[in-house]
Amino acid sequence: MRNSKYTREFRDSSVQLVMNSNESTAKIAKDLDVNEKTLYNWVREHKKANNIPVFSRGYASSKSGNSLKETAEEENKRLRAENKLLKQERDILKKATAYFAKETL
């Protein structure tokens, strides 16, 4: 395993920023001073790890090739991954709130 110059926290928060922002990944990469391809790779890895559909170059990956409908099982997997992500985001916000509350006291 190679030694990364970015911490896991930085990569995770960068991915969250990309996924929750209306800004382009390229702009966010520039703002964070990260290579654009690196940020795209982090997002792709995150999506694969959380069973979130990964679309590349405008083409949807599906079993039939031309159908975008998902089965109930696929929908459940997607929704579970989304639920997990939302819980992580909520926990991060709780920690941030507690941190900033300490700062104001």
N, C-alpha and C. Protein backbone atom coordinates (compact mmCIF):
# COMPACT_ATOMS: atom_id res chain seq x y z
N MET A 1 0.85 -1.18 0.00
CA MET A 1 0.00 0.00 0.00
C MET A 1 0.89 1.24 0.00
N ARG A 2 0.61 2.15 -0.88
CA ARG A 2 1.44 3.35 -0.96
C ARG A 2 1.03 4.39 0.08
N ASN A 3 1.94 5.23 0.40
CA ASN A 3 1.72 6.26 1.40
C ASN A 3 1.04 7.45 0.74
N SER A 4 -0.20 7.72 1.09
CA SER A 4 -0.97 8.79 0.47
C SER A 4 -0.64 10.13 1.13
N LYS A 5 -0.64 11.18 0.32
CA LYS A 5 -0.37 12.49 0.90
C LYS A 5 -1.64 13.12 1.47
N TYR A 6 -2.78 12.48 1.24
CA TYR A 6 -4.06 12.97 1.77
C TYR A 6 -4.57 12.02 2.84
N THR A 7 -5.10 12.58 3.91
CA THR A 7 -5.64 11.75 4.98
C THR A 7 -6.99 11.18 4.57
N ARG A 8 -7.40 10.13 5.23
CA ARG A 8 -8.70 9.50 4.96
C ARG A 8 -9.82 10.52 5.21
N GLU A 9 -9.69 11.29 6.28
CA GLU A 9 -10.71 12.31 6.60
C GLU A 9 -10.86 13.32 5.47
N PHE A 10 -9.72 13.77 4.94
CA PHE A 10 -9.75 14.75 3.85
C PHE A 10 -10.42 14.16 2.62
N ARG A 11 -10.05 12.92 2.28
CA ARG A 11 -10.66 12.28 1.11
C ARG A 11 -12.16 12.10 1.31
N ASP A 12 -12.57 11.63 2.50
CA ASP A 12 -13.99 11.42 2.76
C ASP A 12 -14.78 12.73 2.71
N SER A 13 -14.23 13.77 3.31
CA SER A 13 -14.95 15.05 3.30
C SER A 13 -14.98 15.65 1.90
N SER A 14 -13.94 15.42 1.11
CA SER A 14 -13.93 15.90 -0.28
C SER A 14 -15.00 15.19 -1.10
N VAL A 15 -15.13 13.90 -0.90
CA VAL A 15 -16.16 13.12 -1.61
C VAL A 15 -17.54 13.61 -1.21
N GLN A 16 -17.74 13.84 0.09
CA GLN A 16 -19.04 14.33 0.55
C GLN A 16 -19.35 15.69 -0.07
N LEU A 17 -18.36 16.53 -0.18
CA LEU A 17 -18.54 17.84 -0.79
C LEU A 17 -18.97 17.71 -2.24
N VAL A 18 -18.34 16.82 -2.98
CA VAL A 18 -18.71 16.60 -4.38
C VAL A 18 -20.13 16.08 -4.49
N MET A 19 -20.47 15.12 -3.65
CA MET A 19 -21.78 14.48 -3.75
C MET A 19 -22.93 15.37 -3.28
N ASN A 20 -22.64 16.32 -2.39
CA ASN A 20 -23.70 17.15 -1.83
C ASN A 20 -23.71 18.56 -2.39
N SER A 21 -22.85 18.84 -3.34
CA SER A 21 -22.73 20.19 -3.88
C SER A 21 -23.27 20.26 -5.30
N ASN A 22 -23.69 21.43 -5.69
CA ASN A 22 -24.13 21.64 -7.07
C ASN A 22 -22.97 22.08 -7.96
N GLU A 23 -21.79 22.25 -7.35
CA GLU A 23 -20.60 22.64 -8.10
C GLU A 23 -20.05 21.43 -8.86
N SER A 24 -19.31 21.70 -9.92
CA SER A 24 -18.71 20.61 -10.68
C SER A 24 -17.54 20.02 -9.89
N THR A 25 -17.26 18.76 -10.18
CA THR A 25 -16.14 18.10 -9.53
C THR A 25 -14.84 18.79 -9.89
N ALA A 26 -14.73 19.25 -11.11
CA ALA A 26 -13.51 19.95 -11.55
C ALA A 26 -13.29 21.22 -10.73
N LYS A 27 -14.36 21.98 -10.48
CA LYS A 27 -14.22 23.22 -9.72
C LYS A 27 -13.85 22.92 -8.27
N ILE A 28 -14.48 21.90 -7.70
CA ILE A 28 -14.18 21.53 -6.31
C ILE A 28 -12.73 21.07 -6.21
N ALA A 29 -12.28 20.28 -7.19
CA ALA A 29 -10.89 19.81 -7.18
C ALA A 29 -9.93 21.00 -7.23
N LYS A 30 -10.25 21.97 -8.06
CA LYS A 30 -9.40 23.16 -8.16
C LYS A 30 -9.39 23.93 -6.84
N ASP A 31 -10.57 24.09 -6.23
CA ASP A 31 -10.68 24.81 -4.96
C ASP A 31 -9.90 24.11 -3.84
N LEU A 32 -9.91 22.77 -3.86
CA LEU A 32 -9.22 22.00 -2.82
C LEU A 32 -7.75 21.76 -3.16
N ASP A 33 -7.35 22.19 -4.34
CA ASP A 33 -5.97 21.99 -4.81
C ASP A 33 -5.63 20.50 -4.88
N VAL A 34 -6.57 19.76 -5.49
CA VAL A 34 -6.42 18.32 -5.69
C VAL A 34 -6.54 18.06 -7.19
N ASN A 35 -5.79 17.10 -7.69
CA ASN A 35 -5.90 16.73 -9.09
C ASN A 35 -7.33 16.27 -9.37
N GLU A 36 -7.89 16.75 -10.47
CA GLU A 36 -9.28 16.44 -10.83
C GLU A 36 -9.51 14.94 -10.96
N LYS A 37 -8.59 14.23 -11.61
CA LYS A 37 -8.74 12.78 -11.78
C LYS A 37 -8.70 12.06 -10.44
N THR A 38 -7.87 12.56 -9.53
CA THR A 38 -7.78 11.96 -8.20
C THR A 38 -9.13 12.06 -7.49
N LEU A 39 -9.75 13.24 -7.56
CA LEU A 39 -11.05 13.43 -6.91
C LEU A 39 -12.12 12.54 -7.56
N TYR A 40 -12.10 12.45 -8.89
CA TYR A 40 -13.04 11.56 -9.58
C TYR A 40 -12.84 10.11 -9.11
N ASN A 41 -11.60 9.69 -8.93
CA ASN A 41 -11.33 8.33 -8.47
C ASN A 41 -11.86 8.11 -7.05
N TRP A 42 -11.66 9.10 -6.18
CA TRP A 42 -12.17 8.98 -4.81
C TRP A 42 -13.70 8.82 -4.81
N VAL A 43 -14.37 9.62 -5.63
CA VAL A 43 -15.83 9.55 -5.70
C VAL A 43 -16.27 8.19 -6.24
N ARG A 44 -15.60 7.71 -7.29
CA ARG A 44 -15.96 6.41 -7.87
C ARG A 44 -15.76 5.29 -6.85
N GLU A 45 -14.64 5.31 -6.13
CA GLU A 45 -14.37 4.30 -5.10
C GLU A 45 -15.43 4.34 -4.00
N HIS A 46 -15.80 5.55 -3.59
CA HIS A 46 -16.82 5.70 -2.55
C HIS A 46 -18.15 5.11 -3.02
N LYS A 47 -18.53 5.42 -4.26
CA LYS A 47 -19.79 4.90 -4.78
C LYS A 47 -19.78 3.39 -4.87
N LYS A 48 -18.68 2.81 -5.31
CA LYS A 48 -18.60 1.35 -5.40
C LYS A 48 -18.66 0.72 -4.01
N ALA A 49 -17.98 1.33 -3.04
CA ALA A 49 -17.97 0.78 -1.68
C ALA A 49 -19.34 0.85 -1.02
N ASN A 50 -20.16 1.82 -1.43
CA ASN A 50 -21.49 2.00 -0.83
C ASN A 50 -22.63 1.57 -1.75
N ASN A 51 -22.31 0.80 -2.77
CA ASN A 51 -23.30 0.28 -3.72
C ASN A 51 -24.17 1.37 -4.33
N ILE A 52 -23.56 2.48 -4.67
CA ILE A 52 -24.26 3.56 -5.34
C ILE A 52 -23.94 3.42 -6.82
N PRO A 53 -24.96 3.46 -7.68
CA PRO A 53 -24.70 3.28 -9.11
C PRO A 53 -23.67 4.28 -9.63
N VAL A 54 -22.73 3.77 -10.40
CA VAL A 54 -21.68 4.61 -10.97
C VAL A 54 -21.97 4.77 -12.46
N PHE A 55 -22.17 6.01 -12.88
CA PHE A 55 -22.42 6.30 -14.28
C PHE A 55 -21.16 6.91 -14.86
N SER A 56 -20.81 6.46 -16.04
CA SER A 56 -19.61 7.00 -16.64
C SER A 56 -19.91 7.51 -18.03
N ARG A 57 -19.53 8.75 -18.28
CA ARG A 57 -19.68 9.39 -19.59
C ARG A 57 -21.10 9.34 -20.12
N GLY A 58 -22.06 9.49 -19.23
CA GLY A 58 -23.45 9.60 -19.64
C GLY A 58 -24.15 8.29 -19.92
N TYR A 59 -23.49 7.17 -19.76
CA TYR A 59 -24.11 5.89 -20.03
C TYR A 59 -24.39 5.18 -18.72
N ALA A 60 -25.61 4.69 -18.57
CA ALA A 60 -25.97 3.98 -17.35
C ALA A 60 -25.55 2.53 -17.47
N SER A 61 -25.02 1.99 -16.40
CA SER A 61 -24.66 0.58 -16.43
C SER A 61 -25.86 -0.22 -15.94
N SER A 62 -26.38 -1.05 -16.79
CA SER A 62 -27.52 -1.88 -16.42
C SER A 62 -27.38 -3.24 -17.06
N LYS A 63 -28.11 -4.21 -16.56
CA LYS A 63 -27.99 -5.58 -17.06
C LYS A 63 -28.44 -5.68 -18.51
N SER A 64 -29.53 -5.03 -18.84
CA SER A 64 -30.05 -5.15 -20.19
C SER A 64 -29.38 -4.18 -21.16
N GLY A 65 -28.67 -3.20 -20.64
CA GLY A 65 -27.97 -2.29 -21.51
C GLY A 65 -28.80 -1.08 -21.91
N ASN A 66 -30.12 -1.23 -22.04
CA ASN A 66 -30.93 -0.09 -22.44
C ASN A 66 -32.04 0.24 -21.46
N SER A 67 -32.15 -0.52 -20.41
CA SER A 67 -33.21 -0.29 -19.43
C SER A 67 -32.63 0.38 -18.20
N LEU A 68 -33.27 1.46 -17.77
CA LEU A 68 -32.82 2.15 -16.57
C LEU A 68 -33.64 1.77 -15.34
N LYS A 69 -34.63 0.91 -15.52
CA LYS A 69 -35.45 0.49 -14.39
C LYS A 69 -34.65 -0.46 -13.52
N GLU A 70 -34.85 -0.31 -12.21
CA GLU A 70 -34.13 -1.18 -11.29
C GLU A 70 -35.12 -2.11 -10.60
N THR A 71 -34.63 -3.27 -10.23
CA THR A 71 -35.47 -4.23 -9.53
C THR A 71 -35.63 -3.78 -8.09
N ALA A 72 -36.56 -4.41 -7.39
CA ALA A 72 -36.79 -4.07 -5.99
C ALA A 72 -35.53 -4.34 -5.16
N GLU A 73 -34.82 -5.41 -5.49
CA GLU A 73 -33.59 -5.73 -4.75
C GLU A 73 -32.51 -4.67 -4.99
N GLU A 74 -32.36 -4.22 -6.24
CA GLU A 74 -31.39 -3.18 -6.56
C GLU A 74 -31.77 -1.87 -5.86
N GLU A 75 -33.07 -1.57 -5.85
CA GLU A 75 -33.53 -0.35 -5.19
C GLU A 75 -33.24 -0.41 -3.70
N ASN A 76 -33.49 -1.58 -3.09
CA ASN A 76 -33.19 -1.74 -1.66
C ASN A 76 -31.71 -1.54 -1.38
N LYS A 77 -30.84 -2.10 -2.21
CA LYS A 77 -29.40 -1.93 -2.03
C LYS A 77 -29.03 -0.45 -2.13
N ARG A 78 -29.58 0.21 -3.13
CA ARG A 78 -29.29 1.63 -3.34
C ARG A 78 -29.77 2.46 -2.16
N LEU A 79 -30.99 2.19 -1.71
CA LEU A 79 -31.55 2.95 -0.61
C LEU A 79 -30.82 2.68 0.70
N ARG A 80 -30.38 1.45 0.91
CA ARG A 80 -29.60 1.14 2.11
C ARG A 80 -28.28 1.91 2.10
N ALA A 81 -27.64 1.95 0.94
CA ALA A 81 -26.37 2.68 0.83
C ALA A 81 -26.61 4.18 1.06
N GLU A 82 -27.68 4.69 0.50
CA GLU A 82 -28.01 6.10 0.69
C GLU A 82 -28.31 6.39 2.16
N ASN A 83 -29.04 5.49 2.80
CA ASN A 83 -29.36 5.65 4.21
C ASN A 83 -28.09 5.65 5.06
N LYS A 84 -27.17 4.75 4.73
CA LYS A 84 -25.89 4.69 5.45
C LYS A 84 -25.13 6.01 5.30
N LEU A 85 -25.12 6.52 4.09
CA LEU A 85 -24.43 7.78 3.81
C LEU A 85 -25.07 8.93 4.58
N LEU A 86 -26.39 8.97 4.60
CA LEU A 86 -27.09 10.04 5.32
C LEU A 86 -26.82 9.97 6.81
N LYS A 87 -26.74 8.77 7.35
CA LYS A 87 -26.43 8.62 8.77
C LYS A 87 -25.01 9.11 9.06
N GLN A 88 -24.07 8.82 8.16
CA GLN A 88 -22.70 9.30 8.33
C GLN A 88 -22.67 10.83 8.31
N GLU A 89 -23.41 11.41 7.37
CA GLU A 89 -23.45 12.87 7.27
C GLU A 89 -24.06 13.48 8.52
N ARG A 90 -25.11 12.87 9.03
CA ARG A 90 -25.75 13.36 10.24
C ARG A 90 -24.78 13.32 11.41
N ASP A 91 -24.04 12.21 11.53
CA ASP A 91 -23.08 12.08 12.63
C ASP A 91 -21.97 13.13 12.52
N ILE A 92 -21.53 13.39 11.30
CA ILE A 92 -20.50 14.42 11.10
C ILE A 92 -21.04 15.78 11.53
N LEU A 93 -22.28 16.07 11.16
CA LEU A 93 -22.88 17.36 11.53
C LEU A 93 -23.06 17.47 13.04
N LYS A 94 -23.40 16.37 13.71
CA LYS A 94 -23.53 16.39 15.16
C LYS A 94 -22.20 16.72 15.81
N LYS A 95 -21.13 16.09 15.32
CA LYS A 95 -19.80 16.35 15.87
C LYS A 95 -19.38 17.79 15.62
N ALA A 96 -19.67 18.30 14.43
CA ALA A 96 -19.31 19.68 14.12
C ALA A 96 -20.08 20.65 15.01
N THR A 97 -21.35 20.37 15.23
CA THR A 97 -22.17 21.22 16.09
C THR A 97 -21.61 21.23 17.51
N ALA A 98 -21.24 20.07 18.02
CA ALA A 98 -20.68 19.99 19.36
C ALA A 98 -19.36 20.74 19.43
N TYR A 99 -18.55 20.62 18.40
CA TYR A 99 -17.25 21.31 18.37
C TYR A 99 -17.44 22.82 18.40
N PHE A 100 -18.33 23.32 17.55
CA PHE A 100 -18.55 24.76 17.49
C PHE A 100 -19.28 25.28 18.73
N ALA A 101 -20.08 24.45 19.35
CA ALA A 101 -20.74 24.85 20.58
C ALA A 101 -19.70 25.04 21.69
N LYS A 102 -18.67 24.20 21.71
CA LYS A 102 -17.60 24.34 22.69
C LYS A 102 -16.83 25.64 22.46
N GLU A 103 -16.65 26.00 21.21
CA GLU A 103 -15.91 27.21 20.86
C GLU A 103 -16.61 28.48 21.37
N THR A 104 -17.93 28.47 21.40
CA THR A 104 -18.67 29.66 21.78
C THR A 104 -18.82 29.79 23.30
N LEU A 105 -18.55 28.73 24.04
CA LEU A 105 -18.70 28.80 25.50
C LEU A 105 -17.55 29.44 26.17
